[in-house]
């Protein structure tokens, strides 16, 4: 299925690339092995990586480590308005 010119496979590959670029896989594996996905620990880990906690939450959700309804308060939300000229 195509979404805005990209396929679902393209989206999955982009997610993997972004995840590994923003959070080195070795660091993330060590974090996962700890097994502490509390809000406090996610914030600490994100800070150690120099990234937003929402990025960590998204990756944990995508990899099935936490449910999609967990820690969403750590994600930044943006609202865009498009104007047609």
N, C-alpha and C. Protein backbone atom coordinates (compact mmCIF):
# COMPACT_ATOMS: atom_id res chain seq x y z
N UNK A 1 0.85 -1.18 0.00
CA UNK A 1 0.00 0.00 0.00
C UNK A 1 0.90 1.24 0.00
N UNK A 2 0.56 2.21 -0.80
CA UNK A 2 1.32 3.46 -0.90
C UNK A 2 0.71 4.53 -0.01
N UNK A 3 1.56 5.23 0.74
CA UNK A 3 1.15 6.33 1.59
C UNK A 3 1.96 7.55 1.18
N UNK A 4 1.33 8.53 0.58
CA UNK A 4 2.03 9.74 0.17
C UNK A 4 3.29 9.44 -0.63
N UNK A 5 3.21 8.47 -1.55
CA UNK A 5 4.34 8.15 -2.40
C UNK A 5 5.32 7.15 -1.80
N UNK A 6 5.07 6.68 -0.59
CA UNK A 6 5.94 5.68 0.03
C UNK A 6 5.12 4.46 0.41
N UNK A 7 5.76 3.32 0.39
CA UNK A 7 5.07 2.09 0.76
C UNK A 7 5.22 1.84 2.25
N UNK A 8 4.47 0.87 2.76
CA UNK A 8 4.59 0.50 4.17
C UNK A 8 6.00 -0.02 4.46
N UNK A 9 6.58 -0.75 3.49
CA UNK A 9 7.95 -1.24 3.67
C UNK A 9 8.93 -0.08 3.76
N UNK A 10 8.71 0.96 2.93
CA UNK A 10 9.57 2.15 3.00
C UNK A 10 9.48 2.78 4.39
N UNK A 11 8.27 2.86 4.92
CA UNK A 11 8.06 3.45 6.24
C UNK A 11 8.78 2.63 7.32
N UNK A 12 8.68 1.30 7.22
CA UNK A 12 9.34 0.43 8.20
C UNK A 12 10.85 0.59 8.14
N UNK A 13 11.39 0.64 6.93
CA UNK A 13 12.84 0.82 6.77
C UNK A 13 13.28 2.17 7.33
N UNK A 14 12.48 3.19 7.10
CA UNK A 14 12.80 4.53 7.62
C UNK A 14 12.78 4.52 9.15
N UNK A 15 11.81 3.83 9.74
CA UNK A 15 11.74 3.73 11.20
C UNK A 15 12.97 3.05 11.77
N UNK A 16 13.40 1.97 11.13
CA UNK A 16 14.58 1.23 11.59
C UNK A 16 15.82 2.11 11.47
N UNK A 17 15.97 2.76 10.32
CA UNK A 17 17.13 3.64 10.11
C UNK A 17 17.16 4.76 11.15
N UNK A 18 16.03 5.41 11.34
CA UNK A 18 15.97 6.52 12.30
C UNK A 18 16.26 6.02 13.71
N UNK A 19 15.68 4.88 14.06
CA UNK A 19 15.90 4.33 15.40
C UNK A 19 17.36 4.04 15.66
N UNK A 20 18.04 3.43 14.69
CA UNK A 20 19.45 3.08 14.87
C UNK A 20 20.36 4.30 14.76
N UNK A 21 19.92 5.31 14.05
CA UNK A 21 20.72 6.53 13.92
C UNK A 21 20.60 7.38 15.17
N UNK A 22 19.40 7.49 15.69
CA UNK A 22 19.16 8.34 16.86
C UNK A 22 19.57 7.66 18.16
N UNK A 23 19.45 6.34 18.21
CA UNK A 23 19.82 5.58 19.40
C UNK A 23 20.71 4.43 18.93
N UNK A 24 22.01 4.48 19.19
CA UNK A 24 22.87 3.37 18.78
C UNK A 24 22.33 2.04 19.30
N UNK A 25 22.33 1.03 18.44
CA UNK A 25 21.70 -0.24 18.78
C UNK A 25 22.29 -0.87 20.04
N UNK A 26 23.60 -0.76 20.25
CA UNK A 26 24.21 -1.33 21.46
C UNK A 26 23.70 -0.67 22.72
N UNK A 27 23.57 0.65 22.69
CA UNK A 27 23.05 1.38 23.84
C UNK A 27 21.61 0.98 24.12
N UNK A 28 20.82 0.86 23.04
CA UNK A 28 19.41 0.52 23.21
C UNK A 28 19.26 -0.90 23.74
N UNK A 29 20.08 -1.82 23.26
CA UNK A 29 20.02 -3.20 23.74
C UNK A 29 20.35 -3.26 25.23
N UNK A 30 21.35 -2.50 25.66
CA UNK A 30 21.70 -2.46 27.09
C UNK A 30 20.54 -1.91 27.92
N UNK A 31 19.92 -0.85 27.39
CA UNK A 31 18.76 -0.25 28.07
C UNK A 31 17.63 -1.27 28.18
N UNK A 32 17.35 -1.98 27.09
CA UNK A 32 16.27 -2.97 27.11
C UNK A 32 16.55 -4.09 28.10
N UNK A 33 17.81 -4.52 28.20
CA UNK A 33 18.16 -5.62 29.11
C UNK A 33 17.91 -5.24 30.56
N UNK A 34 18.00 -3.95 30.88
CA UNK A 34 17.70 -3.51 32.25
C UNK A 34 16.25 -3.82 32.60
N UNK A 35 15.36 -3.71 31.61
CA UNK A 35 13.95 -4.02 31.82
C UNK A 35 13.16 -2.98 32.59
N UNK A 36 13.75 -1.81 32.83
CA UNK A 36 13.05 -0.73 33.56
C UNK A 36 12.59 0.30 32.54
N UNK A 37 11.30 0.26 32.23
CA UNK A 37 10.72 1.18 31.26
C UNK A 37 9.84 2.21 31.95
N UNK A 38 10.20 2.54 33.17
CA UNK A 38 9.46 3.56 33.92
C UNK A 38 9.69 4.92 33.27
N UNK A 39 8.79 5.85 33.54
CA UNK A 39 8.92 7.20 32.99
C UNK A 39 10.26 7.81 33.38
N UNK A 40 10.63 7.65 34.64
CA UNK A 40 11.89 8.22 35.13
C UNK A 40 13.09 7.65 34.37
N UNK A 41 13.11 6.32 34.19
CA UNK A 41 14.25 5.69 33.53
C UNK A 41 14.30 6.04 32.04
N UNK A 42 13.16 6.12 31.39
CA UNK A 42 13.12 6.51 29.98
C UNK A 42 13.68 7.92 29.81
N UNK A 43 13.29 8.83 30.70
CA UNK A 43 13.80 10.20 30.65
C UNK A 43 15.31 10.22 30.86
N UNK A 44 15.80 9.45 31.82
CA UNK A 44 17.25 9.39 32.08
C UNK A 44 18.01 8.86 30.86
N UNK A 45 17.48 7.79 30.27
CA UNK A 45 18.14 7.21 29.10
C UNK A 45 18.14 8.19 27.93
N UNK A 46 17.01 8.83 27.70
CA UNK A 46 16.92 9.80 26.60
C UNK A 46 17.93 10.92 26.80
N UNK A 47 18.04 11.40 28.03
CA UNK A 47 18.99 12.47 28.34
C UNK A 47 20.42 12.01 28.06
N UNK A 48 20.74 10.78 28.42
CA UNK A 48 22.09 10.25 28.19
C UNK A 48 22.41 10.15 26.70
N UNK A 49 21.36 10.01 25.87
CA UNK A 49 21.53 9.90 24.43
C UNK A 49 21.42 11.26 23.72
N UNK A 50 20.98 12.28 24.47
CA UNK A 50 20.81 13.60 23.87
C UNK A 50 19.62 13.68 22.94
N UNK A 51 18.57 12.93 23.27
CA UNK A 51 17.36 12.93 22.43
C UNK A 51 16.12 13.13 23.29
N UNK A 52 15.02 13.36 22.65
CA UNK A 52 13.75 13.52 23.33
C UNK A 52 13.26 12.16 23.87
N UNK A 53 12.68 12.16 25.06
CA UNK A 53 12.14 10.90 25.60
C UNK A 53 11.09 10.27 24.67
N UNK A 54 10.39 11.08 23.92
CA UNK A 54 9.37 10.56 23.00
C UNK A 54 9.96 9.63 21.95
N UNK A 55 11.20 9.87 21.56
CA UNK A 55 11.87 9.00 20.59
C UNK A 55 12.09 7.62 21.20
N UNK A 56 12.49 7.59 22.45
CA UNK A 56 12.69 6.32 23.16
C UNK A 56 11.35 5.60 23.30
N UNK A 57 10.32 6.34 23.68
CA UNK A 57 8.98 5.75 23.83
C UNK A 57 8.52 5.14 22.52
N UNK A 58 8.67 5.87 21.43
CA UNK A 58 8.26 5.36 20.12
C UNK A 58 8.98 4.07 19.75
N UNK A 59 10.26 4.02 20.03
CA UNK A 59 11.01 2.80 19.70
C UNK A 59 10.60 1.64 20.59
N UNK A 60 10.40 1.91 21.88
CA UNK A 60 9.93 0.85 22.78
C UNK A 60 8.57 0.32 22.32
N UNK A 61 7.70 1.21 21.91
CA UNK A 61 6.38 0.80 21.43
C UNK A 61 6.50 -0.01 20.15
N UNK A 62 7.28 0.49 19.20
CA UNK A 62 7.43 -0.17 17.91
C UNK A 62 8.03 -1.57 18.05
N UNK A 63 8.94 -1.73 19.02
CA UNK A 63 9.57 -3.04 19.22
C UNK A 63 8.79 -3.94 20.17
N UNK A 64 7.62 -3.48 20.61
CA UNK A 64 6.75 -4.31 21.43
C UNK A 64 7.18 -4.43 22.88
N UNK A 65 8.04 -3.54 23.33
CA UNK A 65 8.50 -3.59 24.72
C UNK A 65 7.47 -2.98 25.68
N UNK A 66 6.72 -2.01 25.18
CA UNK A 66 5.62 -1.42 25.95
C UNK A 66 4.42 -1.29 25.01
N UNK A 67 3.25 -1.17 25.59
CA UNK A 67 2.03 -1.01 24.79
C UNK A 67 1.97 0.39 24.18
N UNK A 68 1.22 0.52 23.10
CA UNK A 68 1.11 1.79 22.40
C UNK A 68 0.37 2.87 23.21
N UNK A 69 -0.29 2.48 24.30
CA UNK A 69 -0.97 3.48 25.12
C UNK A 69 -0.13 3.89 26.34
N UNK A 70 1.11 3.44 26.41
CA UNK A 70 1.97 3.73 27.56
C UNK A 70 2.95 4.86 27.25
N UNK A 71 3.17 5.71 28.24
CA UNK A 71 4.17 6.78 28.23
C UNK A 71 3.99 7.81 27.11
N UNK A 72 2.80 7.87 26.54
CA UNK A 72 2.56 8.83 25.46
C UNK A 72 2.69 10.27 25.93
N UNK A 73 2.60 10.49 27.23
CA UNK A 73 2.78 11.85 27.76
C UNK A 73 4.21 12.35 27.55
N UNK A 74 5.15 11.46 27.24
CA UNK A 74 6.52 11.86 26.99
C UNK A 74 6.75 12.25 25.53
N UNK A 75 5.76 12.00 24.68
CA UNK A 75 5.88 12.37 23.27
C UNK A 75 5.49 13.83 23.09
N UNK A 76 6.26 14.52 22.28
CA UNK A 76 5.92 15.90 21.97
C UNK A 76 4.89 15.90 20.85
N UNK A 77 3.93 16.77 20.99
CA UNK A 77 2.87 16.85 19.99
C UNK A 77 2.98 18.18 19.26
N UNK A 78 2.81 18.11 17.97
CA UNK A 78 2.88 19.29 17.13
C UNK A 78 1.59 19.44 16.35
N UNK A 79 1.21 20.63 16.14
CA UNK A 79 0.02 20.91 15.34
C UNK A 79 0.46 21.76 14.17
N UNK A 80 0.06 21.34 13.00
CA UNK A 80 0.42 22.10 11.80
C UNK A 80 -0.83 22.65 11.14
N UNK A 81 -0.70 23.84 10.66
CA UNK A 81 -1.80 24.43 9.90
C UNK A 81 -1.27 24.70 8.50
N UNK A 82 -1.99 24.25 7.53
CA UNK A 82 -1.61 24.46 6.14
C UNK A 82 -2.50 25.55 5.55
N UNK A 83 -1.87 26.45 4.88
CA UNK A 83 -2.59 27.53 4.23
C UNK A 83 -2.41 27.40 2.74
N UNK A 84 -3.49 27.52 2.03
CA UNK A 84 -3.43 27.49 0.57
C UNK A 84 -3.45 28.93 0.06
N UNK A 85 -2.50 29.23 -0.79
CA UNK A 85 -2.41 30.58 -1.34
C UNK A 85 -2.97 30.61 -2.72
